Amino acid sequence: MKSFNQKAKITLVGAGPGDPELLTLKGLRAIKTADVILYDSLANPELLDHNPYAHKVFVGKRKGYQRFSQDQINSLLVDFAKFPYHIVRLKGGDPMVFGRAMEEIETARAHNIPVEVIPGISSYAGAAAYQQLPITERGVSRSFWVVTGTDRDGQLSKDLALAAQSSATVIVLMGMSKLDEIVQLFSQHKPLDYPVSIVQNATRPDVRSLSGQLDNIVALNTIAQLASPGILIFGAAARHLDTIAPHLATLKTKEQ
């Protein structure tokens, strides 16, 4: 076991869904007191400006791109903890929602390094609020699922088959690359006019959204080209999103 400095501490901070003003006060305090910040690609870089003196390391991962593997990130945390540093691991959304936080927590525990987790607003909650999509609605939707689109092997998540049979709102994260397959799966259990929405870059200035239904959402997105980071929303909540991608609006105006 590697030794660590008795004054070292690791804090996992939820950076929120994109809008830098959605960071919690406690998360802000952690950033301001950090000596080292390891930050993800989904964490708004403006948050780093709150601490110009900290050593910053980009450890972001996106589909098809990986600066550091998770094992390498774990090693970085331990290596920095050999010094009397406050190490902040800044993660997009909430660290405990598809953030692989437990692997980093277990690494800290294995080396007896104090670790704290500060929650953040997850992307699904941010998208719902900013797009005014009620993921629960009295008399309409009494529950919701938040499901990953793919498993660790890149295959369609088996939980989606269960979610597709539910009457609940279903929110799919990390599913844009499997949009066609996911829509086909839902089509086996829902009518073709079942509402579907896509929100890309939720809560950011460059947010884009697309509204449709099972029988046309794939075709619409072939034109709109919304991509990751995107959120898929299936169910009654999606009917509230009547905005469409700006260039689609232009296309409709020309057709009329």
Protein backbone atom coordinates (compact mmCIF):
# COMPACT_ATOMS: atom_id res chain seq x y z
CA MET A 1 0.00 0.00 0.00
CA LYS A 2 1.30 3.43 -0.96
CA SER A 3 1.66 5.96 1.81
CA PHE A 4 -0.23 9.24 1.75
CA ASN A 5 0.23 12.55 3.49
CA GLN A 6 -1.86 12.86 6.66
CA LYS A 7 -3.15 16.25 5.51
CA ALA A 8 -4.23 15.03 2.09
CA LYS A 9 -7.92 14.84 1.23
CA ILE A 10 -9.94 13.92 -1.87
CA THR A 11 -13.25 15.61 -2.64
CA LEU A 12 -15.51 14.45 -5.46
CA VAL A 13 -17.51 17.47 -6.60
CA GLY A 14 -20.57 17.43 -8.84
CA ALA A 15 -20.09 20.19 -11.38
CA GLY A 16 -23.73 20.16 -12.43
CA PRO A 17 -25.20 19.77 -15.93
CA GLY A 18 -23.37 22.61 -17.67
CA ASP A 19 -24.56 26.02 -16.55
CA PRO A 20 -21.74 27.15 -14.20
CA GLU A 21 -24.24 28.90 -11.93
CA LEU A 22 -25.78 25.55 -11.02
CA LEU A 23 -22.75 24.59 -8.94
CA THR A 24 -23.60 24.23 -5.24
CA LEU A 25 -22.12 26.59 -2.67
CA LYS A 26 -20.36 23.66 -1.02
CA GLY A 27 -18.92 22.59 -4.36
CA LEU A 28 -17.68 26.13 -4.96
CA ARG A 29 -16.00 26.17 -1.56
CA ALA A 30 -14.22 22.90 -2.35
CA ILE A 31 -12.94 24.24 -5.67
CA LYS A 32 -11.67 27.42 -4.05
CA THR A 33 -9.70 25.47 -1.45
CA ALA A 34 -8.28 22.86 -3.83
CA ASP A 35 -4.57 22.44 -4.47
CA VAL A 36 -5.20 20.08 -7.41
CA ILE A 37 -8.28 19.76 -9.63
CA LEU A 38 -8.82 16.74 -11.87
CA TYR A 39 -11.70 17.69 -14.15
CA ASP A 40 -13.92 15.96 -16.71
CA SER A 41 -14.92 16.99 -20.21
CA LEU A 42 -18.51 17.58 -19.03
CA ALA A 43 -17.48 19.98 -16.27
CA ASN A 44 -17.80 23.58 -17.45
CA PRO A 45 -14.24 24.98 -17.68
CA GLU A 46 -15.50 28.30 -16.31
CA LEU A 47 -15.63 26.62 -12.90
CA LEU A 48 -11.84 26.39 -12.93
CA ASP A 49 -11.64 30.19 -12.89
CA HIS A 50 -12.78 30.15 -9.26
CA ASN A 51 -9.30 28.92 -8.33
CA PRO A 52 -6.51 30.31 -10.53
CA TYR A 53 -3.81 28.87 -8.28
CA ALA A 54 -4.71 25.17 -8.25
CA HIS A 55 -2.85 22.69 -10.44
CA LYS A 56 -5.38 21.51 -13.03
CA VAL A 57 -5.34 18.20 -14.90
CA PHE A 58 -7.84 17.37 -17.64
CA VAL A 59 -8.87 13.72 -17.34
CA GLY A 60 -11.94 13.81 -19.55
CA LYS A 61 -13.40 10.83 -21.33
CA ARG A 62 -15.84 10.90 -24.24
CA LYS A 63 -17.01 8.24 -26.63
CA GLY A 64 -14.05 7.52 -28.93
CA TYR A 65 -11.66 9.64 -26.86
CA GLN A 66 -9.95 9.02 -23.55
CA ARG A 67 -7.16 11.16 -22.11
CA PHE A 68 -6.69 8.89 -19.08
CA SER A 69 -8.13 5.48 -18.30
CA GLN A 70 -10.05 5.11 -15.05
CA ASP A 71 -7.14 3.17 -13.55
CA GLN A 72 -4.80 6.03 -14.45
CA ILE A 73 -7.15 8.54 -12.84
CA ASN A 74 -7.24 6.42 -9.69
CA SER A 75 -3.43 6.37 -9.67
CA LEU A 76 -3.27 10.15 -10.08
CA LEU A 77 -5.49 10.61 -7.05
CA VAL A 78 -3.22 8.41 -4.94
CA ASP A 79 -0.03 10.03 -6.26
CA PHE A 80 -1.23 13.56 -5.46
CA ALA A 81 -2.28 12.37 -2.00
CA LYS A 82 1.40 11.75 -1.16
CA PHE A 83 1.54 15.51 -0.62
CA PRO A 84 -0.51 17.68 1.78
CA TYR A 85 -2.98 18.50 -0.98
CA HIS A 86 -6.69 18.96 -1.15
CA ILE A 87 -7.50 17.11 -4.37
CA VAL A 88 -10.80 17.91 -6.06
CA ARG A 89 -12.19 15.48 -8.59
CA LEU A 90 -14.61 17.65 -10.59
CA LYS A 91 -17.24 15.59 -12.37
CA GLY A 92 -20.05 16.66 -14.68
CA GLY A 93 -23.55 16.28 -13.27
CA ASP A 94 -23.65 14.33 -10.02
CA PRO A 95 -20.67 12.11 -9.16
CA MET A 96 -22.91 9.25 -8.01
CA VAL A 97 -25.02 9.11 -11.19
CA PHE A 98 -23.10 7.26 -13.94
CA GLY A 99 -19.95 9.02 -12.77
CA ARG A 100 -17.83 6.00 -11.81
CA ALA A 101 -17.45 7.68 -8.45
CA MET A 102 -17.44 4.44 -6.49
CA GLU A 103 -14.21 3.30 -8.15
CA GLU A 104 -12.48 6.48 -6.98
CA ILE A 105 -14.03 6.29 -3.52
CA GLU A 106 -12.85 2.69 -3.13
CA THR A 107 -9.36 3.71 -4.28
CA ALA A 108 -9.23 6.40 -1.60
CA ARG A 109 -10.54 4.03 1.06
CA ALA A 110 -8.02 1.35 0.09
CA HIS A 111 -5.22 3.84 0.79
CA ASN A 112 -6.87 5.32 3.90
CA ILE A 113 -7.22 8.70 2.22
CA PRO A 114 -10.11 10.81 3.55
CA VAL A 115 -12.74 11.25 0.84
CA GLU A 116 -15.87 13.37 0.62
CA VAL A 117 -18.58 13.54 -2.04
CA ILE A 118 -20.42 16.78 -2.80
CA PRO A 119 -23.52 16.18 -4.94
CA GLY A 120 -24.35 18.08 -8.08
CA ILE A 121 -27.40 18.53 -10.27
CA SER A 122 -27.51 15.61 -12.69
CA SER A 123 -27.93 16.24 -16.40
CA TYR A 124 -31.35 14.59 -16.49
CA ALA A 125 -32.66 16.96 -13.79
CA GLY A 126 -31.06 19.98 -15.43
CA ALA A 127 -32.50 19.13 -18.83
CA ALA A 128 -35.97 18.58 -17.39
CA ALA A 129 -35.95 21.89 -15.51
CA TYR A 130 -34.45 24.09 -18.22
CA GLN A 131 -36.65 22.60 -20.97
CA GLN A 132 -39.68 22.63 -18.61
CA LEU A 133 -40.31 18.91 -18.99
CA PRO A 134 -42.18 17.47 -15.98
CA ILE A 135 -40.66 14.02 -15.55
CA THR A 136 -43.41 13.37 -13.01
CA GLU A 137 -46.83 14.92 -13.50
CA ARG A 138 -49.96 14.52 -11.40
CA GLY A 139 -52.35 12.06 -13.00
CA VAL A 140 -50.00 11.43 -15.94
CA SER A 141 -46.60 10.10 -14.88
CA ARG A 142 -46.09 8.86 -11.34
CA SER A 143 -42.48 7.69 -11.64
CA PHE A 144 -39.42 7.85 -13.83
CA TRP A 145 -36.45 5.76 -14.91
CA VAL A 146 -32.94 7.03 -15.51
CA VAL A 147 -31.12 4.45 -17.60
CA THR A 148 -27.77 4.27 -19.34
CA GLY A 149 -28.04 3.58 -23.05
CA THR A 150 -25.10 1.21 -23.17
CA ASP A 151 -23.31 -1.12 -20.81
CA ARG A 152 -19.56 -1.25 -20.22
CA ASP A 153 -19.09 -3.33 -23.38
CA GLY A 154 -20.88 -0.78 -25.54
CA GLN A 155 -23.94 -2.98 -25.95
CA LEU A 156 -27.52 -1.86 -25.44
CA SER A 157 -28.39 -1.85 -21.74
CA LYS A 158 -30.65 -4.77 -20.81
CA ASP A 159 -32.54 -2.52 -18.41
CA LEU A 160 -33.94 -0.62 -21.38
CA ALA A 161 -36.15 -3.57 -22.30
CA LEU A 162 -37.83 -3.33 -18.91
CA ALA A 163 -38.02 0.46 -19.00
CA ALA A 164 -39.69 0.38 -22.42
CA GLN A 165 -42.58 -1.64 -20.95
CA SER A 166 -43.17 0.84 -18.13
CA SER A 167 -45.73 3.64 -18.09
CA ALA A 168 -43.12 5.86 -16.41
CA THR A 169 -41.08 8.63 -18.01
CA VAL A 170 -37.85 7.06 -19.26
CA ILE A 171 -34.70 9.17 -19.49
CA VAL A 172 -31.77 7.61 -21.31
CA LEU A 173 -28.27 8.94 -20.77
CA MET A 174 -25.34 8.05 -23.03
CA GLY A 175 -27.69 6.62 -25.62
CA MET A 176 -27.30 8.86 -28.66
CA SER A 177 -25.08 6.39 -30.51
CA LYS A 178 -27.81 3.76 -30.09
CA LEU A 179 -30.79 6.00 -30.92
CA ASP A 180 -32.07 3.80 -33.74
CA GLU A 181 -31.87 0.61 -31.66
CA ILE A 182 -33.44 2.23 -28.60
CA VAL A 183 -36.35 3.59 -30.64
CA GLN A 184 -36.89 0.15 -32.20
CA LEU A 185 -36.99 -1.36 -28.72
CA PHE A 186 -39.59 1.12 -27.47
CA SER A 187 -41.62 0.61 -30.63
CA GLN A 188 -42.14 -3.03 -29.62
CA HIS A 189 -44.10 -1.88 -26.56
CA LYS A 190 -45.47 1.58 -27.36
CA PRO A 191 -47.62 3.11 -30.11
CA LEU A 192 -45.78 4.80 -32.96
CA ASP A 193 -47.03 8.24 -31.89
CA TYR A 194 -45.43 7.82 -28.44
CA PRO A 195 -43.63 11.11 -27.57
CA VAL A 196 -39.82 11.28 -27.71
CA SER A 197 -37.51 14.25 -27.15
CA ILE A 198 -33.78 14.78 -27.41
CA VAL A 199 -31.88 17.47 -25.52
CA GLN A 200 -28.22 18.14 -26.30
CA ASN A 201 -25.94 20.29 -24.12
CA ALA A 202 -28.67 20.75 -21.51
CA THR A 203 -28.49 24.04 -19.54
CA ARG A 204 -25.69 25.41 -21.75
CA PRO A 205 -26.00 28.40 -24.11
CA ASP A 206 -25.58 26.04 -27.09
CA VAL A 207 -28.44 23.76 -26.00
CA ARG A 208 -30.33 22.10 -28.85
CA SER A 209 -33.54 20.13 -28.61
CA LEU A 210 -35.69 18.02 -30.87
CA SER A 211 -39.26 16.82 -30.38
CA GLY A 212 -40.94 13.95 -32.17
CA GLN A 213 -42.40 10.52 -31.70
CA LEU A 214 -41.28 6.94 -32.17
CA ASP A 215 -42.12 6.83 -35.87
CA ASN A 216 -40.17 9.96 -36.86
CA ILE A 217 -37.54 10.89 -34.27
CA VAL A 218 -34.73 8.98 -36.01
CA ALA A 219 -35.52 10.61 -39.37
CA LEU A 220 -35.77 14.04 -37.77
CA ASN A 221 -32.41 13.61 -36.09
CA THR A 222 -30.83 12.46 -39.34
CA ILE A 223 -31.40 16.06 -40.42
CA ALA A 224 -30.83 17.78 -37.06
CA GLN A 225 -27.71 15.75 -36.16
CA LEU A 226 -28.04 16.13 -32.41
CA ALA A 227 -25.30 14.10 -30.76
CA SER A 228 -23.55 13.49 -27.45
CA PRO A 229 -23.83 14.76 -24.82
CA GLY A 230 -27.52 14.18 -25.47
CA ILE A 231 -30.42 12.95 -23.35
CA LEU A 232 -33.36 10.93 -24.66
CA ILE A 233 -36.74 11.37 -23.01
CA PHE A 234 -39.58 8.92 -23.67
CA GLY A 235 -43.12 9.38 -22.43
CA ALA A 236 -45.72 12.01 -21.68
CA ALA A 237 -43.12 14.49 -20.44
CA ALA A 238 -41.64 14.66 -23.93
CA ARG A 239 -44.84 16.10 -25.36
CA HIS A 240 -44.12 19.37 -23.54
CA LEU A 241 -41.06 20.00 -25.68
CA ASP A 242 -42.46 21.71 -28.77
CA THR A 243 -39.21 23.41 -29.76
CA ILE A 244 -37.11 22.00 -32.57
CA ALA A 245 -33.55 22.45 -33.77
CA PRO A 246 -33.06 25.99 -35.20
CA HIS A 247 -32.09 24.84 -38.71
CA LEU A 248 -35.12 22.51 -38.81
CA ALA A 249 -37.30 25.51 -38.07
CA THR A 250 -35.71 27.22 -41.06
CA LEU A 251 -36.40 24.18 -43.22
CA LYS A 252 -40.05 24.13 -42.19
CA THR A 253 -40.41 27.84 -42.94
CA LYS A 254 -38.99 27.33 -46.44
CA GLU A 255 -41.35 24.42 -47.07
CA GLN A 256 -44.33 26.52 -46.07
